[in-house]
N, C-alpha and C. Protein backbone atom coordinates (compact mmCIF):
# COMPACT_ATOMS: atom_id res chain seq x y z
N MET A 1 3.98 0.80 10.17
CA MET A 1 2.94 -0.36 9.96
C MET A 1 2.68 -0.79 8.59
N LEU A 2 3.02 -1.73 8.32
CA LEU A 2 2.64 -2.43 6.83
C LEU A 2 1.54 -3.58 7.06
N THR A 3 0.42 -3.29 6.47
CA THR A 3 -0.53 -4.32 6.55
C THR A 3 -1.14 -4.64 5.13
N ILE A 4 -1.27 -6.09 5.01
CA ILE A 4 -1.62 -6.77 3.70
C ILE A 4 -2.90 -7.36 3.82
N ILE A 5 -3.99 -6.78 3.21
CA ILE A 5 -5.23 -7.41 3.35
C ILE A 5 -5.45 -8.18 1.91
N HIS A 6 -5.77 -9.61 2.28
CA HIS A 6 -6.08 -10.47 0.80
C HIS A 6 -6.78 -11.53 1.37
N GLY A 7 -7.26 -12.44 0.37
CA GLY A 7 -7.82 -13.44 0.84
C GLY A 7 -8.71 -14.15 -0.28
N ASP A 8 -9.55 -15.28 0.05
CA ASP A 8 -10.29 -15.97 -1.07
C ASP A 8 -11.72 -15.15 -1.20
N ASP A 9 -12.09 -14.42 0.03
CA ASP A 9 -13.25 -13.72 0.26
C ASP A 9 -13.12 -12.20 -0.18
N ILE A 10 -13.06 -12.03 -1.62
CA ILE A 10 -12.79 -10.64 -2.03
C ILE A 10 -13.54 -9.46 -1.47
N ALA A 11 -15.14 -9.96 -1.20
CA ALA A 11 -15.94 -9.07 -0.95
C ALA A 11 -15.82 -8.53 0.51
N ALA A 12 -15.44 -9.43 1.56
CA ALA A 12 -15.21 -9.14 2.70
C ALA A 12 -13.94 -8.26 3.02
N SER A 13 -12.76 -8.70 2.03
CA SER A 13 -11.71 -8.02 2.20
C SER A 13 -11.67 -6.56 1.78
N ARG A 14 -12.41 -6.32 0.65
CA ARG A 14 -12.95 -5.01 0.24
C ARG A 14 -13.69 -4.29 0.98
N MET A 15 -14.63 -4.78 1.68
CA MET A 15 -15.41 -4.10 2.59
C MET A 15 -14.52 -3.61 3.88
N TYR A 16 -13.53 -4.22 4.32
CA TYR A 16 -12.44 -3.92 5.35
C TYR A 16 -11.81 -3.02 5.00
N PHE A 17 -11.20 -3.00 3.79
CA PHE A 17 -10.49 -2.01 3.39
C PHE A 17 -10.93 -0.54 3.20
N THR A 18 -12.43 -0.74 2.79
CA THR A 18 -13.07 0.28 2.77
C THR A 18 -13.48 1.19 3.89
N GLN A 19 -13.72 0.24 5.11
CA GLN A 19 -13.72 0.65 6.40
C GLN A 19 -12.40 1.32 6.82
N LEU A 20 -11.35 0.89 6.32
CA LEU A 20 -9.92 1.77 6.89
C LEU A 20 -9.87 2.92 6.14
N LYS A 21 -10.50 3.03 4.92
CA LYS A 21 -10.33 4.18 4.14
C LYS A 21 -11.14 5.16 4.86
N GLU A 22 -12.26 5.02 5.55
CA GLU A 22 -12.90 5.73 6.33
C GLU A 22 -12.43 6.02 7.74
N LYS A 23 -11.77 5.19 8.14
CA LYS A 23 -10.72 5.43 9.27
C LYS A 23 -10.00 6.58 9.29
N TYR A 24 -9.16 6.49 8.25
CA TYR A 24 -8.16 7.50 7.47
C TYR A 24 -8.56 8.18 6.71
N PRO A 25 -9.34 9.22 6.83
CA PRO A 25 -9.77 10.26 5.79
C PRO A 25 -8.72 11.02 5.16
N GLU A 26 -7.72 11.22 5.98
CA GLU A 26 -6.55 12.06 5.38
C GLU A 26 -5.30 11.21 4.55
N ALA A 27 -5.78 9.88 4.47
CA ALA A 27 -4.98 9.01 3.73
C ALA A 27 -4.98 9.03 2.08
N THR A 28 -3.75 8.74 1.61
CA THR A 28 -3.62 8.88 0.15
C THR A 28 -3.81 7.69 -0.36
N THR A 29 -4.97 7.31 -1.30
CA THR A 29 -5.03 5.93 -1.89
C THR A 29 -4.31 5.93 -3.47
N LEU A 30 -3.42 5.19 -3.73
CA LEU A 30 -2.94 4.95 -4.79
C LEU A 30 -3.14 3.61 -5.54
N ASP A 31 -3.01 3.49 -6.67
CA ASP A 31 -2.98 2.42 -7.57
C ASP A 31 -1.98 1.72 -7.94
N GLY A 32 -1.77 0.58 -7.20
CA GLY A 32 -0.69 -0.34 -7.13
C GLY A 32 -0.11 -0.58 -8.59
N GLN A 33 -1.17 -0.74 -9.65
CA GLN A 33 -0.64 -1.09 -10.92
C GLN A 33 -0.15 -0.03 -11.73
N MET A 34 0.03 1.29 -11.31
CA MET A 34 0.39 2.45 -11.97
C MET A 34 1.57 3.08 -11.03
N ILE A 35 1.76 2.55 -9.93
CA ILE A 35 3.05 3.23 -9.08
C ILE A 35 4.10 3.10 -9.47
N ASN A 36 4.87 4.12 -9.17
CA ASN A 36 6.25 3.96 -9.41
C ASN A 36 7.01 4.58 -8.13
N LEU A 37 8.31 4.31 -8.12
CA LEU A 37 9.26 4.88 -6.87
C LEU A 37 8.97 6.34 -6.66
N THR A 38 9.18 7.11 -7.67
CA THR A 38 9.03 8.62 -7.54
C THR A 38 7.69 9.11 -6.92
N ASP A 39 6.44 8.42 -7.25
CA ASP A 39 5.24 8.85 -6.95
C ASP A 39 5.10 8.44 -5.54
N LEU A 40 5.78 7.25 -5.03
CA LEU A 40 5.67 6.65 -3.81
C LEU A 40 6.33 7.46 -2.82
N ALA A 41 7.37 7.79 -3.27
CA ALA A 41 8.49 8.69 -2.62
C ALA A 41 7.71 10.13 -2.30
N GLN A 42 7.18 10.67 -3.24
CA GLN A 42 6.25 11.87 -3.10
C GLN A 42 5.43 12.00 -1.95
N THR A 43 4.51 10.74 -1.93
CA THR A 43 3.46 10.48 -1.28
C THR A 43 3.85 10.13 0.23
N LEU A 44 4.96 9.56 0.32
CA LEU A 44 5.45 9.16 1.69
C LEU A 44 6.42 10.09 2.34
N GLU A 45 7.14 10.69 1.67
CA GLU A 45 8.10 11.73 2.36
C GLU A 45 7.65 13.28 2.12
N GLY A 46 6.44 13.49 1.37
CA GLY A 46 6.28 14.81 1.13
C GLY A 46 4.96 15.31 2.02
N SER A 47 4.84 14.66 3.28
CA SER A 47 3.74 15.01 3.90
C SER A 47 3.96 16.55 4.45
N GLY A 48 2.84 17.19 4.83
CA GLY A 48 2.60 18.74 5.19
C GLY A 48 3.35 18.63 6.56
N LEU A 49 3.47 20.11 6.85
CA LEU A 49 3.93 20.60 7.93
C LEU A 49 3.20 20.18 9.26
N PHE A 50 1.94 20.16 8.89
CA PHE A 50 0.82 19.97 10.23
C PHE A 50 0.46 18.49 10.21
N SER A 51 0.87 17.59 9.33
CA SER A 51 0.51 16.24 9.30
C SER A 51 1.63 15.42 9.95
N GLU A 52 1.38 14.86 11.03
CA GLU A 52 2.25 14.00 11.67
C GLU A 52 2.49 12.69 11.18
N ASP A 53 1.24 12.01 11.00
CA ASP A 53 1.12 10.62 10.39
C ASP A 53 0.97 10.41 8.88
N THR A 54 1.72 9.56 8.23
CA THR A 54 1.42 9.55 6.94
C THR A 54 0.68 8.23 6.72
N THR A 55 -0.27 8.06 5.85
CA THR A 55 -1.13 6.86 5.80
C THR A 55 -1.28 6.86 4.29
N VAL A 56 -0.88 5.62 3.69
CA VAL A 56 -0.95 5.36 2.25
C VAL A 56 -1.70 3.85 2.10
N LEU A 57 -2.70 3.97 1.11
CA LEU A 57 -3.54 3.02 0.90
C LEU A 57 -3.17 2.58 -0.62
N LEU A 58 -2.73 1.46 -0.85
CA LEU A 58 -2.51 0.99 -2.21
C LEU A 58 -3.45 -0.48 -2.59
N GLU A 59 -3.66 -0.21 -3.88
CA GLU A 59 -4.63 -1.24 -4.38
C GLU A 59 -3.98 -2.10 -5.33
N ASN A 60 -3.85 -3.49 -5.23
CA ASN A 60 -3.32 -4.36 -6.18
C ASN A 60 -1.82 -4.04 -6.49
N PHE A 61 -1.08 -3.75 -5.43
CA PHE A 61 0.46 -3.70 -5.49
C PHE A 61 1.14 -4.87 -5.98
N ILE A 62 0.88 -5.98 -5.37
CA ILE A 62 1.59 -7.19 -5.61
C ILE A 62 1.15 -7.80 -6.80
N THR A 63 -0.21 -7.78 -7.14
CA THR A 63 -0.89 -8.33 -8.32
C THR A 63 -0.43 -7.75 -9.87
N LYS A 64 0.08 -6.62 -9.80
CA LYS A 64 0.39 -5.93 -11.02
C LYS A 64 1.83 -6.45 -11.47
N LYS A 65 1.70 -6.85 -12.67
CA LYS A 65 2.88 -7.29 -13.49
C LYS A 65 3.96 -6.32 -13.53
N LYS A 66 5.20 -6.45 -12.58
CA LYS A 66 6.10 -5.47 -12.89
C LYS A 66 7.49 -6.45 -13.00
N THR A 67 8.50 -5.63 -13.57
CA THR A 67 9.65 -6.49 -13.60
C THR A 67 10.40 -6.81 -12.28
N SER A 68 10.87 -7.58 -12.03
CA SER A 68 11.38 -8.01 -10.76
C SER A 68 12.22 -7.16 -10.04
N ALA A 69 13.21 -6.34 -10.81
CA ALA A 69 13.91 -5.17 -10.37
C ALA A 69 13.01 -4.30 -9.61
N ASP A 70 11.98 -3.63 -10.55
CA ASP A 70 10.97 -2.73 -10.12
C ASP A 70 10.32 -3.34 -8.60
N TYR A 71 9.79 -4.38 -8.92
CA TYR A 71 9.15 -4.71 -7.57
C TYR A 71 9.85 -4.99 -6.46
N LYS A 72 11.02 -5.40 -6.49
CA LYS A 72 11.93 -5.51 -5.33
C LYS A 72 12.34 -4.10 -4.91
N GLN A 73 12.66 -3.01 -5.77
CA GLN A 73 12.90 -1.79 -5.33
C GLN A 73 11.82 -1.11 -4.57
N LEU A 74 10.61 -1.34 -4.96
CA LEU A 74 9.45 -0.63 -4.35
C LEU A 74 9.18 -1.47 -3.13
N ALA A 75 9.12 -2.69 -3.04
CA ALA A 75 8.86 -3.33 -2.02
C ALA A 75 9.84 -3.30 -0.74
N MET A 76 11.03 -3.02 -1.22
CA MET A 76 12.19 -2.54 -0.15
C MET A 76 11.78 -1.17 0.38
N TYR A 77 11.32 -0.38 -0.65
CA TYR A 77 11.11 1.08 -0.18
C TYR A 77 9.83 1.03 0.90
N LEU A 78 8.93 0.39 0.58
CA LEU A 78 7.80 0.15 1.28
C LEU A 78 8.03 -0.16 2.70
N THR A 79 8.99 -1.42 2.71
CA THR A 79 9.03 -1.93 3.93
C THR A 79 9.95 -0.99 4.86
N ALA A 80 10.84 -0.20 4.31
CA ALA A 80 11.76 0.67 5.14
C ALA A 80 10.70 1.92 5.64
N GLN A 81 9.94 2.19 4.82
CA GLN A 81 8.80 3.44 5.15
C GLN A 81 7.75 2.97 6.08
N ALA A 82 7.57 1.64 6.29
CA ALA A 82 6.69 1.09 7.19
C ALA A 82 7.13 1.42 8.57
N GLN A 83 8.37 1.84 9.00
CA GLN A 83 8.94 2.14 10.33
C GLN A 83 8.19 3.27 10.69
N SER A 84 7.96 4.23 9.74
CA SER A 84 7.38 5.80 10.09
C SER A 84 5.84 6.17 9.58
N ALA A 85 5.37 5.11 8.74
CA ALA A 85 4.20 5.60 8.11
C ALA A 85 3.36 4.21 8.34
N THR A 86 1.83 4.47 8.12
CA THR A 86 1.12 3.26 8.06
C THR A 86 0.71 3.25 6.37
N ILE A 87 0.86 1.65 6.14
CA ILE A 87 1.13 1.68 4.70
C ILE A 87 0.02 0.32 4.62
N ILE A 88 -1.24 0.40 3.92
CA ILE A 88 -2.25 -0.68 3.86
C ILE A 88 -2.22 -1.13 2.53
N LEU A 89 -2.01 -2.32 2.30
CA LEU A 89 -2.24 -2.98 0.83
C LEU A 89 -3.46 -3.54 0.87
N TRP A 90 -4.20 -3.62 -0.36
CA TRP A 90 -5.15 -4.41 -0.41
C TRP A 90 -5.18 -5.29 -1.86
N GLU A 91 -5.42 -6.39 -2.01
CA GLU A 91 -4.94 -7.58 -3.06
C GLU A 91 -6.35 -7.93 -3.20
N GLY A 92 -6.65 -8.23 -4.72
CA GLY A 92 -7.90 -8.64 -5.03
C GLY A 92 -7.91 -10.16 -5.27
N LYS A 93 -7.00 -10.91 -4.77
CA LYS A 93 -6.89 -12.30 -4.41
C LYS A 93 -5.74 -12.87 -3.48
N GLU A 94 -6.19 -14.06 -3.14
CA GLU A 94 -5.03 -14.59 -2.15
C GLU A 94 -3.71 -14.68 -2.51
N HIS A 95 -2.68 -14.30 -1.49
CA HIS A 95 -1.34 -14.55 -2.25
C HIS A 95 -0.64 -15.33 -1.02
N GLU A 96 0.50 -15.83 -1.31
CA GLU A 96 1.35 -16.75 -0.46
C GLU A 96 2.03 -15.86 0.49
N LYS A 97 2.61 -16.27 1.56
CA LYS A 97 3.28 -15.56 2.41
C LYS A 97 4.42 -14.90 1.80
N THR A 98 5.15 -15.66 0.93
CA THR A 98 6.50 -15.08 0.38
C THR A 98 6.14 -13.96 -1.10
N ALA A 99 4.83 -13.78 -0.85
CA ALA A 99 4.65 -12.77 -1.99
C ALA A 99 5.31 -11.32 -1.94
N PHE A 100 5.59 -11.04 -0.66
CA PHE A 100 6.08 -9.83 -0.13
C PHE A 100 7.17 -9.79 0.58
């Protein structure tokens, strides 16, 4: 499952994101501005033996300025992994539907 939280009410969207962090205490939180494919793959594919569900929380993934090739590669990977993991993105501003 891939969920993107964004909008013009940053305080409300951030509060909702914080509530999701509390709902998924085992989740890994990553900084979308610093993420690369290797880190993302290790987080999503390196889950422990006793963990069935993988949950990743990414902050400001879309907003970060990346090369289009890097962004496209990361976005495709996230989309593919969303079939077997819970991925939640929080963005500090509103984005168009075509951003992802």
